[in-house]
């Protein structure tokens, strides 16, 4: 993404895609205008859940610093899932996080990405609490800006998990949008988050809202810092529900940019 494109995107945000009266200032970004491993000043690798399958019985082993699984070239970040055994798993991939390098309370988040397809893929763009102030998951919350599974490639979901609203008890709140070109072209997956609600967008079109019910952290733990996560899982309880098709590997999630805006006072 070239500088002039960044300028146009910021102007568009200010004048078109934000709520009336909102003015946003770019606070953090990665435009991926370099080559090699992801910028270590902005991204870390999350591997701690490899031993227990991340709670979702996922089939991949997330690596750290392995160029084949996460690399930047030609202006985009590629997160690649490979048939490449490691750690007792048949597949490898990467899970990048901004924790400790990019943590925010409220803001506007835009991630322009092209998704993989094929049964067994499970790409996600999401946020988790940095400090787990309200306890372990789901008490401190989870914000899924974009989730997709390869057996249902045209459907994008945004979801919120809290102690009262989560998938374990079947009460999660979600929105979905039909995006038939999610895996053939780039789309901007967005979130606006303030003290009153969370709003999800695709290409500036609003399709999901989770409101603050003002009755405590069981429904609204979103008054603490969160960080971003980019990952491509393989299999798992949801991603692997229809099996894993090994045709077409490696599978790649490609990210053009990640931008975080804060409201101007």
C-alpha atoms as a PDB file:
ATOM      1  CA  UNK A   1       0.000   0.000   0.000  1.00  0.00           C
ATOM      2  CA  UNK A   2       1.630   3.207  -1.210  1.00  0.00           C
ATOM      3  CA  UNK A   3       1.611   6.471   0.828  1.00  0.00           C
ATOM      4  CA  UNK A   4      -0.949   8.155  -1.441  1.00  0.00           C
ATOM      5  CA  UNK A   5      -3.303   5.218  -0.863  1.00  0.00           C
ATOM      6  CA  UNK A   6      -2.877   5.601   2.886  1.00  0.00           C
ATOM      7  CA  UNK A   7      -3.770   9.297   2.603  1.00  0.00           C
ATOM      8  CA  UNK A   8      -6.872   8.525   0.569  1.00  0.00           C
ATOM      9  CA  UNK A   9      -7.917   5.849   3.105  1.00  0.00           C
ATOM     10  CA  UNK A  10      -7.589   8.268   6.013  1.00  0.00           C
ATOM     11  CA  UNK A  11      -9.590  10.954   4.200  1.00  0.00           C
ATOM     12  CA  UNK A  12     -12.263   8.389   3.334  1.00  0.00           C
ATOM     13  CA  UNK A  13     -12.489   7.331   6.962  1.00  0.00           C
ATOM     14  CA  UNK A  14     -12.910  10.872   8.201  1.00  0.00           C
ATOM     15  CA  UNK A  15     -15.529  11.900   5.687  1.00  0.00           C
ATOM     16  CA  UNK A  16     -17.410   8.748   4.727  1.00  0.00           C
ATOM     17  CA  UNK A  17     -17.114   5.574   6.813  1.00  0.00           C
ATOM     18  CA  UNK A  18     -17.289   6.898  10.374  1.00  0.00           C
ATOM     19  CA  UNK A  19     -20.234   7.907  12.495  1.00  0.00           C
ATOM     20  CA  UNK A  20     -21.263  11.567  12.162  1.00  0.00           C
ATOM     21  CA  UNK A  21     -19.061  13.723  14.335  1.00  0.00           C
ATOM     22  CA  UNK A  22     -16.287  11.145  14.625  1.00  0.00           C
ATOM     23  CA  UNK A  23     -12.796  12.156  13.555  1.00  0.00           C
ATOM     24  CA  UNK A  24     -10.098   9.515  13.612  1.00  0.00           C
ATOM     25  CA  UNK A  25      -6.344   9.863  13.636  1.00  0.00           C
ATOM     26  CA  UNK A  26      -3.996   7.095  12.555  1.00  0.00           C
ATOM     27  CA  UNK A  27      -2.258   5.799  15.704  1.00  0.00           C
ATOM     28  CA  UNK A  28      -0.567   2.558  14.608  1.00  0.00           C
ATOM     29  CA  UNK A  29      -0.125   0.696  11.351  1.00  0.00           C
ATOM     30  CA  UNK A  30       1.837  -1.834   9.372  1.00  0.00           C
ATOM     31  CA  UNK A  31       1.734  -1.243   5.611  1.00  0.00           C
ATOM     32  CA  UNK A  32       4.086  -4.190   4.922  1.00  0.00           C
ATOM     33  CA  UNK A  33       6.334  -2.146   2.654  1.00  0.00           C
ATOM     34  CA  UNK A  34       9.396  -4.268   3.424  1.00  0.00           C
ATOM     35  CA  UNK A  35      10.626  -7.805   2.832  1.00  0.00           C
ATOM     36  CA  UNK A  36      11.300 -10.734   5.134  1.00  0.00           C
ATOM     37  CA  UNK A  37       9.920 -11.637   8.547  1.00  0.00           C
ATOM     38  CA  UNK A  38       7.162  -9.495  10.110  1.00  0.00           C
ATOM     39  CA  UNK A  39       8.398  -6.354  11.885  1.00  0.00           C
ATOM     40  CA  UNK A  40       9.481  -7.461  15.381  1.00  0.00           C
ATOM     41  CA  UNK A  41       8.699  -4.011  16.807  1.00  0.00           C
ATOM     42  CA  UNK A  42       5.024  -4.599  15.962  1.00  0.00           C
ATOM     43  CA  UNK A  43       4.452  -8.366  15.935  1.00  0.00           C
ATOM     44  CA  UNK A  44       5.242 -11.387  18.106  1.00  0.00           C
ATOM     45  CA  UNK A  45       4.508 -15.073  17.551  1.00  0.00           C
ATOM     46  CA  UNK A  46       2.000 -16.850  19.779  1.00  0.00           C
ATOM     47  CA  UNK A  47       2.870 -20.535  20.238  1.00  0.00           C
ATOM     48  CA  UNK A  48       1.831 -21.262  23.827  1.00  0.00           C
ATOM     49  CA  UNK A  49      -1.302 -23.205  22.899  1.00  0.00           C
ATOM     50  CA  UNK A  50       0.379 -25.674  20.564  1.00  0.00           C
ATOM     51  CA  UNK A  51       0.430 -28.396  23.223  1.00  0.00           C
ATOM     52  CA  UNK A  52      -3.336 -28.421  23.774  1.00  0.00           C
ATOM     53  CA  UNK A  53      -4.606 -27.467  20.303  1.00  0.00           C
ATOM     54  CA  UNK A  54      -5.631 -23.963  21.373  1.00  0.00           C
ATOM     55  CA  UNK A  55      -8.799 -25.268  23.012  1.00  0.00           C
ATOM     56  CA  UNK A  56     -10.334 -26.003  19.601  1.00  0.00           C
ATOM     57  CA  UNK A  57      -8.549 -29.265  18.696  1.00  0.00           C
ATOM     58  CA  UNK A  58      -6.752 -27.492  15.855  1.00  0.00           C
ATOM     59  CA  UNK A  59      -4.521 -29.518  13.555  1.00  0.00           C
ATOM     60  CA  UNK A  60      -1.676 -27.046  13.021  1.00  0.00           C
ATOM     61  CA  UNK A  61       1.522 -26.278  14.913  1.00  0.00           C
ATOM     62  CA  UNK A  62       2.212 -22.532  15.050  1.00  0.00           C
ATOM     63  CA  UNK A  63       5.847 -21.678  14.403  1.00  0.00           C
ATOM     64  CA  UNK A  64       7.944 -18.667  15.442  1.00  0.00           C
ATOM     65  CA  UNK A  65      10.231 -16.868  13.037  1.00  0.00           C
ATOM     66  CA  UNK A  66       9.803 -19.389  10.261  1.00  0.00           C
ATOM     67  CA  UNK A  67       9.825 -17.528   6.963  1.00  0.00           C
ATOM     68  CA  UNK A  68       7.743 -20.174   5.189  1.00  0.00           C
ATOM     69  CA  UNK A  69       4.822 -19.574   7.574  1.00  0.00           C
ATOM     70  CA  UNK A  70       4.900 -15.780   7.884  1.00  0.00           C
ATOM     71  CA  UNK A  71       6.720 -13.491   5.483  1.00  0.00           C
ATOM     72  CA  UNK A  72       6.381 -10.077   3.875  1.00  0.00           C
ATOM     73  CA  UNK A  73       6.945  -9.466   0.179  1.00  0.00           C
ATOM     74  CA  UNK A  74       5.525  -7.329  -2.617  1.00  0.00           C
ATOM     75  CA  UNK A  75       3.679  -5.119  -0.153  1.00  0.00           C
ATOM     76  CA  UNK A  76       1.726  -7.801   1.711  1.00  0.00           C
ATOM     77  CA  UNK A  77       2.067 -10.143   4.665  1.00  0.00           C
ATOM     78  CA  UNK A  78       1.515 -13.812   3.843  1.00  0.00           C
ATOM     79  CA  UNK A  79       0.501 -16.228   6.587  1.00  0.00           C
ATOM     80  CA  UNK A  80       0.890 -19.705   5.114  1.00  0.00           C
ATOM     81  CA  UNK A  81      -0.380 -23.073   6.297  1.00  0.00           C
ATOM     82  CA  UNK A  82       1.820 -25.908   5.067  1.00  0.00           C
ATOM     83  CA  UNK A  83       1.766 -29.689   5.076  1.00  0.00           C
ATOM     84  CA  UNK A  84       4.997 -29.734   7.034  1.00  0.00           C
ATOM     85  CA  UNK A  85       5.000 -31.850  10.188  1.00  0.00           C
ATOM     86  CA  UNK A  86       6.159 -30.240  13.417  1.00  0.00           C
ATOM     87  CA  UNK A  87       5.435 -30.720  17.092  1.00  0.00           C
ATOM     88  CA  UNK A  88       3.453 -33.864  16.403  1.00  0.00           C
ATOM     89  CA  UNK A  89       1.137 -32.027  14.006  1.00  0.00           C
ATOM     90  CA  UNK A  90       0.758 -32.586  10.271  1.00  0.00           C
ATOM     91  CA  UNK A  91       0.470 -28.866   9.439  1.00  0.00           C
ATOM     92  CA  UNK A  92       2.351 -25.691  10.332  1.00  0.00           C
ATOM     93  CA  UNK A  93       1.141 -22.107  10.251  1.00  0.00           C
ATOM     94  CA  UNK A  94       1.589 -18.802  12.119  1.00  0.00           C
ATOM     95  CA  UNK A  95      -0.281 -16.767  14.703  1.00  0.00           C
ATOM     96  CA  UNK A  96       0.887 -13.151  14.973  1.00  0.00           C
ATOM     97  CA  UNK A  97      -0.017 -10.883  17.884  1.00  0.00           C
ATOM     98  CA  UNK A  98       0.567  -7.236  18.799  1.00  0.00           C
ATOM     99  CA  UNK A  99       0.439  -7.830  22.543  1.00  0.00           C
ATOM    100  CA  UNK A 100       2.871  -5.535  24.341  1.00  0.00           C
ATOM    101  CA  UNK A 101       3.573  -3.744  21.058  1.00  0.00           C
ATOM    102  CA  UNK A 102       0.090  -2.586  20.157  1.00  0.00           C
ATOM    103  CA  UNK A 103      -2.602  -2.568  22.851  1.00  0.00           C
ATOM    104  CA  UNK A 104      -5.666  -0.341  22.739  1.00  0.00           C
ATOM    105  CA  UNK A 105      -8.755   0.671  24.650  1.00  0.00           C
ATOM    106  CA  UNK A 106     -11.298   1.720  21.999  1.00  0.00           C
ATOM    107  CA  UNK A 107     -10.504   2.695  18.433  1.00  0.00           C
ATOM    108  CA  UNK A 108     -11.145   1.992  14.787  1.00  0.00           C
ATOM    109  CA  UNK A 109      -9.390  -1.021  13.256  1.00  0.00           C
ATOM    110  CA  UNK A 110      -9.046  -1.752   9.553  1.00  0.00           C
ATOM    111  CA  UNK A 111      -7.378  -4.826   8.086  1.00  0.00           C
ATOM    112  CA  UNK A 112      -7.345  -5.333   4.313  1.00  0.00           C
ATOM    113  CA  UNK A 113      -7.003  -9.016   3.552  1.00  0.00           C
ATOM    114  CA  UNK A 114      -7.578 -11.819   1.055  1.00  0.00           C
ATOM    115  CA  UNK A 115      -8.570 -15.163   2.530  1.00  0.00           C
ATOM    116  CA  UNK A 116      -7.691 -18.761   1.676  1.00  0.00           C
ATOM    117  CA  UNK A 117     -10.312 -21.334   0.765  1.00  0.00           C
ATOM    118  CA  UNK A 118     -10.713 -25.093   0.919  1.00  0.00           C
ATOM    119  CA  UNK A 119     -12.159 -27.398   3.556  1.00  0.00           C
ATOM    120  CA  UNK A 120     -10.166 -27.207   6.752  1.00  0.00           C
ATOM    121  CA  UNK A 121      -8.978 -23.592   6.569  1.00  0.00           C
ATOM    122  CA  UNK A 122      -9.919 -21.268   9.431  1.00  0.00           C
ATOM    123  CA  UNK A 123      -8.474 -17.747   9.044  1.00  0.00           C
ATOM    124  CA  UNK A 124      -9.191 -15.126  11.690  1.00  0.00           C
ATOM    125  CA  UNK A 125      -8.598 -11.448  12.462  1.00  0.00           C
ATOM    126  CA  UNK A 126      -9.469 -10.851  16.089  1.00  0.00           C
ATOM    127  CA  UNK A 127      -8.671  -9.303  19.458  1.00  0.00           C
ATOM    128  CA  UNK A 128      -8.015 -10.612  22.943  1.00  0.00           C
ATOM    129  CA  UNK A 129      -7.581  -8.806  26.271  1.00  0.00           C
ATOM    130  CA  UNK A 130      -4.016  -7.869  27.074  1.00  0.00           C
ATOM    131  CA  UNK A 131      -4.385  -8.096  30.837  1.00  0.00           C
ATOM    132  CA  UNK A 132      -7.292 -10.563  31.442  1.00  0.00           C
ATOM    133  CA  UNK A 133      -8.574  -8.173  34.108  1.00  0.00           C
ATOM    134  CA  UNK A 134     -11.872 -10.074  34.489  1.00  0.00           C
ATOM    135  CA  UNK A 135     -10.328 -13.547  34.568  1.00  0.00           C
ATOM    136  CA  UNK A 136      -9.732 -16.311  32.088  1.00  0.00           C
ATOM    137  CA  UNK A 137     -11.716 -16.751  28.882  1.00  0.00           C
ATOM    138  CA  UNK A 138     -14.475 -15.854  28.369  1.00  0.00           C
ATOM    139  CA  UNK A 139     -14.602 -13.553  31.377  1.00  0.00           C
ATOM    140  CA  UNK A 140     -12.288 -10.892  29.953  1.00  0.00           C
ATOM    141  CA  UNK A 141     -13.840 -11.034  26.500  1.00  0.00           C
ATOM    142  CA  UNK A 142     -12.958 -11.782  22.890  1.00  0.00           C
ATOM    143  CA  UNK A 143     -13.651  -9.714  19.754  1.00  0.00           C
ATOM    144  CA  UNK A 144     -13.683 -11.553  16.424  1.00  0.00           C
ATOM    145  CA  UNK A 145     -13.433  -8.951  13.660  1.00  0.00           C
ATOM    146  CA  UNK A 146     -13.357 -11.567  10.908  1.00  0.00           C
ATOM    147  CA  UNK A 147     -13.727 -15.349  10.949  1.00  0.00           C
ATOM    148  CA  UNK A 148     -14.221 -17.658   8.000  1.00  0.00           C
ATOM    149  CA  UNK A 149     -14.139 -21.412   7.436  1.00  0.00           C
ATOM    150  CA  UNK A 150     -13.138 -22.956   4.136  1.00  0.00           C
ATOM    151  CA  UNK A 151     -16.177 -25.206   3.834  1.00  0.00           C
ATOM    152  CA  UNK A 152     -18.365 -22.070   3.846  1.00  0.00           C
ATOM    153  CA  UNK A 153     -16.051 -19.704   1.959  1.00  0.00           C
ATOM    154  CA  UNK A 154     -18.587 -17.008   1.061  1.00  0.00           C
ATOM    155  CA  UNK A 155     -19.613 -16.250   4.644  1.00  0.00           C
ATOM    156  CA  UNK A 156     -17.781 -13.855   6.963  1.00  0.00           C
ATOM    157  CA  UNK A 157     -18.645 -13.635  10.646  1.00  0.00           C
ATOM    158  CA  UNK A 158     -17.973 -11.075  13.368  1.00  0.00           C
ATOM    159  CA  UNK A 159     -18.559 -12.364  16.886  1.00  0.00           C
ATOM    160  CA  UNK A 160     -18.237 -11.290  20.510  1.00  0.00           C
ATOM    161  CA  UNK A 161     -17.623 -13.630  23.451  1.00  0.00           C
ATOM    162  CA  UNK A 162     -18.150 -12.694  27.099  1.00  0.00           C
ATOM    163  CA  UNK A 163     -19.015 -14.614  30.259  1.00  0.00           C
ATOM    164  CA  UNK A 164     -22.714 -14.365  29.460  1.00  0.00           C
ATOM    165  CA  UNK A 165     -22.398 -14.499  25.674  1.00  0.00           C
ATOM    166  CA  UNK A 166     -20.098 -17.247  24.385  1.00  0.00           C
ATOM    167  CA  UNK A 167     -20.129 -20.263  22.083  1.00  0.00           C
ATOM    168  CA  UNK A 168     -19.580 -22.833  24.848  1.00  0.00           C
ATOM    169  CA  UNK A 169     -23.099 -22.159  26.157  1.00  0.00           C
ATOM    170  CA  UNK A 170     -24.473 -21.219  22.735  1.00  0.00           C
ATOM    171  CA  UNK A 171     -25.164 -17.579  23.554  1.00  0.00           C
ATOM    172  CA  UNK A 172     -22.472 -15.818  21.506  1.00  0.00           C
ATOM    173  CA  UNK A 173     -23.640 -12.786  19.527  1.00  0.00           C
ATOM    174  CA  UNK A 174     -22.658 -12.697  15.860  1.00  0.00           C
ATOM    175  CA  UNK A 175     -23.220 -10.970  12.581  1.00  0.00           C
ATOM    176  CA  UNK A 176     -22.585 -12.422   9.150  1.00  0.00           C
ATOM    177  CA  UNK A 177     -22.171 -11.137   5.626  1.00  0.00           C
ATOM    178  CA  UNK A 178     -22.103 -12.902   2.268  1.00  0.00           C
ATOM    179  CA  UNK A 179     -18.818 -12.028   0.529  1.00  0.00           C
ATOM    180  CA  UNK A 180     -18.423 -14.225  -2.582  1.00  0.00           C
ATOM    181  CA  UNK A 181     -15.039 -12.703  -3.462  1.00  0.00           C
ATOM    182  CA  UNK A 182     -13.460 -13.076  -0.004  1.00  0.00           C
ATOM    183  CA  UNK A 183     -10.897 -15.552  -1.351  1.00  0.00           C
ATOM    184  CA  UNK A 184     -10.366 -14.041  -4.823  1.00  0.00           C
ATOM    185  CA  UNK A 185      -9.847 -10.407  -3.826  1.00  0.00           C
ATOM    186  CA  UNK A 186      -8.986  -8.094  -0.956  1.00  0.00           C
ATOM    187  CA  UNK A 187     -11.613  -6.676   1.405  1.00  0.00           C
ATOM    188  CA  UNK A 188     -11.355  -4.315   4.365  1.00  0.00           C
ATOM    189  CA  UNK A 189     -12.480  -5.925   7.616  1.00  0.00           C
ATOM    190  CA  UNK A 190     -13.217  -3.240  10.161  1.00  0.00           C
ATOM    191  CA  UNK A 191     -14.178  -2.630  13.757  1.00  0.00           C
ATOM    192  CA  UNK A 192     -15.261   0.533  15.548  1.00  0.00           C
ATOM    193  CA  UNK A 193     -15.142   0.241  19.327  1.00  0.00           C
ATOM    194  CA  UNK A 194     -16.142   2.843  21.874  1.00  0.00           C
ATOM    195  CA  UNK A 195     -17.552   2.891  25.381  1.00  0.00           C
ATOM    196  CA  UNK A 196     -21.089   2.161  24.142  1.00  0.00           C
ATOM    197  CA  UNK A 197     -20.788  -0.491  21.429  1.00  0.00           C
ATOM    198  CA  UNK A 198     -18.721  -2.586  19.050  1.00  0.00           C
ATOM    199  CA  UNK A 199     -19.540  -2.261  15.326  1.00  0.00           C
ATOM    200  CA  UNK A 200     -18.213  -4.551  12.576  1.00  0.00           C
ATOM    201  CA  UNK A 201     -17.827  -3.565   8.913  1.00  0.00           C
ATOM    202  CA  UNK A 202     -16.758  -5.044   5.625  1.00  0.00           C
ATOM    203  CA  UNK A 203     -15.622  -2.508   3.020  1.00  0.00           C
ATOM    204  CA  UNK A 204     -17.289   0.189   5.099  1.00  0.00           C
ATOM    205  CA  UNK A 205     -20.668  -1.595   5.259  1.00  0.00           C
ATOM    206  CA  UNK A 206     -21.929  -2.006   8.811  1.00  0.00           C
ATOM    207  CA  UNK A 207     -23.391  -5.463   9.532  1.00  0.00           C
ATOM    208  CA  UNK A 208     -23.053  -6.208  13.253  1.00  0.00           C
ATOM    209  CA  UNK A 209     -23.326  -4.373  16.579  1.00  0.00           C
ATOM    210  CA  UNK A 210     -22.761  -5.500  20.147  1.00  0.00           C
ATOM    211  CA  UNK A 211     -24.056  -2.917  22.614  1.00  0.00           C
ATOM    212  CA  UNK A 212     -22.926  -2.150  26.130  1.00  0.00           C
ATOM    213  CA  UNK A 213     -25.835  -3.165  28.364  1.00  0.00           C
ATOM    214  CA  UNK A 214     -24.309  -1.216  31.274  1.00  0.00           C
ATOM    215  CA  UNK A 215     -24.731  -4.127  33.687  1.00  0.00           C
ATOM    216  CA  UNK A 216     -21.121  -5.117  34.305  1.00  0.00           C
ATOM    217  CA  UNK A 217     -18.279  -7.140  32.784  1.00  0.00           C
ATOM    218  CA  UNK A 218     -20.287 -10.344  32.274  1.00  0.00           C
ATOM    219  CA  UNK A 219     -21.762  -8.694  29.187  1.00  0.00           C
ATOM    220  CA  UNK A 220     -19.270  -5.850  28.615  1.00  0.00           C
ATOM    221  CA  UNK A 221     -15.649  -6.593  29.559  1.00  0.00           C
ATOM    222  CA  UNK A 222     -14.614  -4.244  26.760  1.00  0.00           C
ATOM    223  CA  UNK A 223     -13.413  -1.406  28.980  1.00  0.00           C
ATOM    224  CA  UNK A 224      -9.828  -2.714  29.135  1.00  0.00           C
ATOM    225  CA  UNK A 225      -6.929  -2.963  26.668  1.00  0.00           C
ATOM    226  CA  UNK A 226      -7.055  -5.482  23.821  1.00  0.00           C
ATOM    227  CA  UNK A 227      -4.485  -6.490  21.195  1.00  0.00           C
ATOM    228  CA  UNK A 228      -4.759  -7.765  17.629  1.00  0.00           C
ATOM    229  CA  UNK A 229      -4.256 -11.338  16.408  1.00  0.00           C
ATOM    230  CA  UNK A 230      -3.814 -12.576  12.833  1.00  0.00           C
ATOM    231  CA  UNK A 231      -3.790 -16.324  12.335  1.00  0.00           C
ATOM    232  CA  UNK A 232      -4.566 -19.123   9.910  1.00  0.00           C
ATOM    233  CA  UNK A 233      -5.681 -22.314  11.646  1.00  0.00           C
ATOM    234  CA  UNK A 234      -6.173 -25.715  10.050  1.00  0.00           C
ATOM    235  CA  UNK A 235      -8.955 -28.045  11.159  1.00  0.00           C
ATOM    236  CA  UNK A 236     -10.339 -27.732  14.656  1.00  0.00           C
ATOM    237  CA  UNK A 237     -13.840 -28.063  16.034  1.00  0.00           C
ATOM    238  CA  UNK A 238     -15.285 -25.556  13.578  1.00  0.00           C
ATOM    239  CA  UNK A 239     -12.686 -25.239  10.824  1.00  0.00           C
ATOM    240  CA  UNK A 240     -12.387 -29.012  10.477  1.00  0.00           C
ATOM    241  CA  UNK A 241     -16.078 -29.854  10.877  1.00  0.00           C
ATOM    242  CA  UNK A 242     -16.230 -30.985   7.230  1.00  0.00           C
ATOM    243  CA  UNK A 243     -12.733 -32.462   7.171  1.00  0.00           C
ATOM    244  CA  UNK A 244      -9.484 -31.118   5.699  1.00  0.00           C
ATOM    245  CA  UNK A 245      -8.964 -31.081   1.935  1.00  0.00           C
ATOM    246  CA  UNK A 246      -5.214 -31.227   1.316  1.00  0.00           C
ATOM    247  CA  UNK A 247      -5.514 -30.170  -2.315  1.00  0.00           C
ATOM    248  CA  UNK A 248      -4.072 -26.750  -2.995  1.00  0.00           C
ATOM    249  CA  UNK A 249      -1.704 -26.473  -0.038  1.00  0.00           C
ATOM    250  CA  UNK A 250      -0.048 -24.269   1.004  1.00  0.00           C
ATOM    251  CA  UNK A 251      -3.045 -22.170   2.005  1.00  0.00           C
ATOM    252  CA  UNK A 252      -2.358 -18.458   2.373  1.00  0.00           C
ATOM    253  CA  UNK A 253      -4.041 -15.541   4.126  1.00  0.00           C
ATOM    254  CA  UNK A 254      -2.665 -12.337   2.618  1.00  0.00           C
ATOM    255  CA  UNK A 255      -2.810  -8.984   4.447  1.00  0.00           C
ATOM    256  CA  UNK A 256      -2.257  -5.694   2.639  1.00  0.00           C
ATOM    257  CA  UNK A 257      -2.312  -3.473   5.725  1.00  0.00           C
ATOM    258  CA  UNK A 258      -3.319  -3.201   9.362  1.00  0.00           C
ATOM    259  CA  UNK A 259      -4.366   0.251  10.619  1.00  0.00           C
ATOM    260  CA  UNK A 260      -5.495   1.453  14.004  1.00  0.00           C
ATOM    261  CA  UNK A 261      -7.140   4.846  14.473  1.00  0.00           C
ATOM    262  CA  UNK A 262      -7.922   6.755  17.644  1.00  0.00           C
ATOM    263  CA  UNK A 263     -10.534   9.457  18.058  1.00  0.00           C
ATOM    264  CA  UNK A 264      -9.232  12.988  18.016  1.00  0.00           C
ATOM    265  CA  UNK A 265     -10.183  15.015  21.071  1.00  0.00           C
END
